[in-house]
Amino acid sequence: MLSRKKIFASRRQFLSTGLKLAVLSSLLLPLQKALANGSALIAKANHSIRKFLFLDKLVLNTKTKVVHLPTNKIFSGYADIKRQKIIEFNTWEIQIKAPIHFNKEKSGIILELLALQKLNAGVNDKTLTSTINTLSIAFSPAYKDKNGKFLNKYNFRLHDLLLQTIALNNTIPAAQKWTKFQSATGKINYTIKDIKPLPSRMNWIKTKADFDNQVDYILRNKTTYANRLKQRAANYKL
């Protein structure tokens, strides 16, 4: 039979061991949480890397037939793209044909960037014509909503860029510049009263007379506008 002294000693040892374990547990718990948080951050970082794996590349989802341009020059984030295929910039005009199309909601932004790439070779009649052709895709039937309305109707960055490239293009006679602009923008009639009013700075878009006045102003400041286009293209070079 154990003596009372030995029983007390065993109890003291048990309590001492329990206390040490409790202290050790309290020290390890924050470390465990830190490690867990660290793992979560690493996982999140890896996810971000996957999201931006193809920066500044045209990426085709081979299942949906939708082409994306997940560039950080414009977008702060971009959803993951599955079943990826890269489309080279020098062949996109051949490869992106129906049923393949750009992300419709982002088509205006994507086509603006692709159009600006043409001007990195210099601002001349050839590159201006190529730029106009690319911008006009944004107003083609492929980029209408289910109600038949152009998704890029109120993308005024495209309209401004079309105005400038048409104005500076010497191959388009002055009398035909308005017709070219209307054709490039899908012949949208902005004189019809709409739910969304035009900003006052865009009033030139309504009539040939107002459009021609804008063209004349650009041509009077031709060098300034040409240099602006060069800089804009350089800023968004892919």
Protein backbone atom coordinates (compact mmCIF):
# COMPACT_ATOMS: atom_id res chain seq x y z
CA MET A 1 0.00 0.00 0.00
CA LEU A 2 1.33 3.42 -1.02
CA SER A 3 2.26 5.82 1.74
CA ARG A 4 0.46 9.14 2.09
CA LYS A 5 3.71 10.96 1.24
CA LYS A 6 4.04 9.11 -2.07
CA ILE A 7 0.40 9.81 -2.96
CA PHE A 8 0.90 13.54 -2.36
CA ALA A 9 4.11 13.47 -4.45
CA SER A 10 2.25 11.77 -7.32
CA ARG A 11 -0.52 14.35 -7.17
CA ARG A 12 1.99 17.20 -7.24
CA GLN A 13 3.73 15.64 -10.24
CA PHE A 14 0.37 15.14 -12.02
CA LEU A 15 -0.69 18.75 -11.40
CA SER A 16 2.72 20.05 -12.44
CA THR A 17 2.63 18.04 -15.66
CA GLY A 18 -0.93 19.21 -16.41
CA LEU A 19 0.04 22.83 -15.85
CA LYS A 20 3.02 22.50 -18.17
CA LEU A 21 0.85 20.95 -20.86
CA ALA A 22 -1.70 23.75 -20.50
CA VAL A 23 1.00 26.40 -20.85
CA LEU A 24 2.51 24.60 -23.84
CA SER A 25 -0.93 24.35 -25.46
CA SER A 26 -1.53 28.10 -24.99
CA LEU A 27 1.80 28.80 -26.66
CA LEU A 28 1.22 26.43 -29.56
CA LEU A 29 -2.33 27.60 -30.35
CA PRO A 30 -1.31 31.02 -31.81
CA LEU A 31 1.43 29.30 -33.78
CA GLN A 32 -1.06 26.79 -35.14
CA LYS A 33 -3.40 29.62 -36.15
CA ALA A 34 -0.53 31.53 -37.76
CA LEU A 35 0.46 28.46 -39.76
CA ALA A 36 -3.13 27.94 -40.84
CA ASN A 37 -3.42 31.60 -41.90
CA GLY A 38 -0.11 31.33 -43.71
CA SER A 39 -1.33 28.30 -45.63
CA ALA A 40 -4.51 30.16 -46.56
CA LEU A 41 -2.49 33.15 -47.79
CA ILE A 42 -0.23 30.90 -49.84
CA ALA A 43 -3.26 29.19 -51.35
CA LYS A 44 -4.78 32.58 -52.12
CA ALA A 45 -1.54 33.78 -53.69
CA ASN A 46 -1.32 30.65 -55.82
CA HIS A 47 -4.93 31.22 -56.90
CA SER A 48 -4.03 34.78 -57.92
CA ILE A 49 -1.08 33.48 -59.90
CA ARG A 50 -3.39 31.07 -61.70
CA LYS A 51 -5.78 33.93 -62.43
CA PHE A 52 -3.04 36.03 -64.00
CA LEU A 53 -1.08 33.26 -65.62
CA PHE A 54 -1.67 34.68 -69.11
CA LEU A 55 -1.25 38.40 -68.63
CA ASP A 56 -1.38 40.41 -71.86
CA LYS A 57 -2.48 37.37 -73.88
CA LEU A 58 -5.64 36.57 -75.80
CA VAL A 59 -7.07 33.50 -74.11
CA LEU A 60 -9.76 31.34 -75.70
CA ASN A 61 -12.07 29.18 -73.60
CA THR A 62 -12.34 26.26 -76.02
CA LYS A 63 -15.68 25.15 -74.56
CA THR A 64 -17.58 28.46 -74.53
CA LYS A 65 -15.76 29.85 -77.62
CA VAL A 66 -15.24 33.12 -75.73
CA VAL A 67 -11.95 35.02 -76.05
CA HIS A 68 -10.60 37.00 -73.08
CA LEU A 69 -7.76 39.47 -72.59
CA PRO A 70 -6.93 39.30 -68.85
CA THR A 71 -4.43 42.14 -68.77
CA ASN A 72 -3.54 44.07 -65.63
CA LYS A 73 -3.19 47.22 -67.75
CA ILE A 74 -6.96 47.55 -67.48
CA PHE A 75 -8.43 44.97 -65.13
CA SER A 76 -7.74 44.75 -61.39
CA GLY A 77 -8.99 41.17 -61.40
CA TYR A 78 -10.21 38.59 -63.86
CA ALA A 79 -12.13 35.35 -63.33
CA ASP A 80 -10.36 32.05 -63.92
CA ILE A 81 -10.46 30.85 -67.53
CA LYS A 82 -10.73 27.11 -68.02
CA ARG A 83 -9.88 25.03 -71.09
CA GLN A 84 -7.42 27.65 -72.24
CA LYS A 85 -5.91 28.16 -75.65
CA ILE A 86 -3.67 31.11 -76.45
CA ILE A 87 -4.40 33.12 -79.59
CA GLU A 88 -1.43 35.05 -80.93
CA PHE A 89 -1.86 38.77 -81.54
CA ASN A 90 -0.61 38.50 -85.13
CA THR A 91 -3.30 35.95 -86.07
CA TRP A 92 -6.35 36.94 -84.00
CA GLU A 93 -8.17 38.53 -86.94
CA ILE A 94 -8.06 35.20 -88.78
CA GLN A 95 -8.87 33.00 -85.79
CA ILE A 96 -11.66 34.96 -84.09
CA LYS A 97 -14.57 34.24 -86.38
CA ALA A 98 -18.12 33.11 -85.48
CA PRO A 99 -18.93 31.19 -83.35
CA ILE A 100 -15.75 32.38 -81.58
CA HIS A 101 -16.14 35.90 -80.17
CA PHE A 102 -14.69 38.22 -77.55
CA ASN A 103 -16.17 38.41 -74.06
CA LYS A 104 -19.22 40.48 -74.96
CA GLU A 105 -19.38 42.58 -71.80
CA LYS A 106 -15.68 43.45 -72.11
CA SER A 107 -15.55 43.56 -75.92
CA GLY A 108 -15.24 47.34 -76.09
CA ILE A 109 -12.21 47.39 -73.79
CA ILE A 110 -10.56 44.44 -75.54
CA LEU A 111 -11.07 45.84 -79.03
CA GLU A 112 -9.81 49.27 -77.95
CA LEU A 113 -6.58 47.68 -76.72
CA LEU A 114 -6.19 45.61 -79.89
CA ALA A 115 -6.84 48.68 -82.04
CA LEU A 116 -4.21 50.71 -80.20
CA GLN A 117 -1.61 48.01 -80.91
CA LYS A 118 -1.90 48.91 -84.60
CA LEU A 119 -0.78 52.48 -83.88
CA ASN A 120 2.43 51.37 -82.19
CA ALA A 121 3.83 50.95 -85.70
CA GLY A 122 3.26 54.69 -86.23
CA VAL A 123 0.32 56.95 -86.99
CA ASN A 124 -0.17 56.85 -90.75
CA ASP A 125 -2.97 56.12 -93.20
CA LYS A 126 -2.28 52.38 -93.21
CA THR A 127 -2.30 51.96 -89.40
CA LEU A 128 -5.24 54.35 -89.02
CA THR A 129 -7.30 52.26 -91.47
CA SER A 130 -6.39 49.08 -89.62
CA THR A 131 -7.34 50.71 -86.31
CA ILE A 132 -10.73 51.78 -87.67
CA ASN A 133 -11.42 48.25 -88.92
CA THR A 134 -10.67 46.79 -85.49
CA LEU A 135 -12.78 49.35 -83.61
CA SER A 136 -15.75 48.77 -85.91
CA ILE A 137 -15.92 45.12 -84.77
CA ALA A 138 -17.29 46.41 -81.44
CA PHE A 139 -20.41 47.57 -83.31
CA SER A 140 -20.94 44.39 -85.33
CA PRO A 141 -23.97 42.11 -84.78
CA ALA A 142 -21.88 39.72 -82.63
CA TYR A 143 -21.84 42.35 -79.88
CA LYS A 144 -25.55 42.99 -79.46
CA ASP A 145 -27.57 41.99 -76.41
CA LYS A 146 -30.59 39.66 -76.46
CA ASN A 147 -32.81 42.64 -77.33
CA GLY A 148 -30.73 43.46 -80.40
CA LYS A 149 -29.09 46.58 -78.90
CA PHE A 150 -25.38 47.29 -79.24
CA LEU A 151 -23.51 46.56 -76.04
CA ASN A 152 -20.95 49.26 -76.88
CA LYS A 153 -23.49 51.96 -77.76
CA TYR A 154 -22.37 54.11 -74.82
CA ASN A 155 -18.68 53.28 -74.94
CA PHE A 156 -17.62 56.81 -75.79
CA ARG A 157 -13.91 55.99 -75.65
CA LEU A 158 -14.47 53.95 -78.82
CA HIS A 159 -16.44 56.77 -80.44
CA ASP A 160 -13.74 59.33 -79.65
CA LEU A 161 -11.02 57.05 -80.98
CA LEU A 162 -13.01 56.41 -84.16
CA LEU A 163 -13.54 60.15 -84.62
CA GLN A 164 -9.82 60.86 -84.34
CA THR A 165 -8.63 57.99 -86.55
CA ILE A 166 -11.19 58.82 -89.26
CA ALA A 167 -10.39 62.55 -89.10
CA LEU A 168 -6.63 61.98 -89.46
CA ASN A 169 -6.96 59.36 -92.21
CA ASN A 170 -6.12 61.01 -95.53
CA THR A 171 -7.54 58.10 -97.54
CA ILE A 172 -11.07 59.02 -96.42
CA PRO A 173 -12.28 62.17 -98.23
CA ALA A 174 -13.74 64.91 -96.04
CA ALA A 175 -17.20 64.44 -97.57
CA GLN A 176 -17.17 60.75 -96.66
CA LYS A 177 -15.85 60.88 -93.09
CA TRP A 178 -19.33 61.13 -91.51
CA THR A 179 -20.56 58.17 -93.61
CA LYS A 180 -17.48 56.18 -92.57
CA PHE A 181 -18.10 56.98 -88.91
CA GLN A 182 -21.75 55.95 -89.12
CA SER A 183 -20.83 52.72 -90.85
CA ALA A 184 -18.14 51.94 -88.26
CA THR A 185 -20.58 52.48 -85.36
CA GLY A 186 -23.37 50.32 -86.77
CA LYS A 187 -25.41 53.30 -88.03
CA ILE A 188 -26.69 54.02 -84.53
CA ASN A 189 -29.07 57.00 -84.57
CA TYR A 190 -28.27 59.14 -81.54
CA THR A 191 -30.88 61.77 -82.38
CA ILE A 192 -33.63 59.41 -81.20
CA LYS A 193 -34.65 60.14 -77.60
CA ASP A 194 -33.16 57.46 -75.38
CA ILE A 195 -33.43 56.43 -71.74
CA LYS A 196 -29.77 57.29 -71.28
CA PRO A 197 -29.00 60.87 -72.40
CA LEU A 198 -25.74 61.71 -74.15
CA PRO A 199 -23.19 63.74 -72.21
CA SER A 200 -22.92 67.26 -73.63
CA ARG A 201 -19.36 66.67 -74.83
CA MET A 202 -20.69 63.94 -77.15
CA ASN A 203 -23.27 66.11 -78.95
CA TRP A 204 -21.06 66.01 -82.06
CA ILE A 205 -22.17 62.40 -82.52
CA LYS A 206 -25.73 63.37 -83.49
CA THR A 207 -25.44 65.17 -86.82
CA LYS A 208 -23.09 65.46 -89.77
CA ALA A 209 -22.66 69.20 -89.21
CA ASP A 210 -21.51 68.75 -85.61
CA PHE A 211 -19.29 65.81 -86.59
CA ASP A 212 -17.67 67.82 -89.38
CA ASN A 213 -16.92 70.65 -86.94
CA GLN A 214 -15.07 68.19 -84.71
CA VAL A 215 -13.14 66.82 -87.68
CA ASP A 216 -12.13 70.36 -88.70
CA TYR A 217 -10.91 71.10 -85.18
CA ILE A 218 -8.81 67.91 -85.11
CA LEU A 219 -7.27 68.69 -88.50
CA ARG A 220 -6.37 72.21 -87.34
CA ASN A 221 -4.50 70.55 -84.48
CA LYS A 222 -3.32 67.54 -86.45
CA THR A 223 0.14 67.20 -84.90
CA THR A 224 -1.23 67.41 -81.36
CA TYR A 225 -3.82 64.69 -81.99
CA ALA A 226 -1.35 62.43 -83.81
CA ASN A 227 1.07 62.70 -80.87
CA ARG A 228 -1.75 61.95 -78.41
CA LEU A 229 -2.60 58.79 -80.33
CA LYS A 230 1.06 57.73 -80.30
CA GLN A 231 1.27 58.24 -76.55
CA ARG A 232 -2.04 56.47 -75.91
CA ALA A 233 -0.88 53.47 -77.94
CA ALA A 234 2.47 53.40 -76.13
CA ASN A 235 0.73 53.48 -72.73
CA TYR A 236 -1.28 50.37 -73.59
CA LYS A 237 1.32 48.42 -75.55
CA LEU A 238 0.89 44.68 -74.97
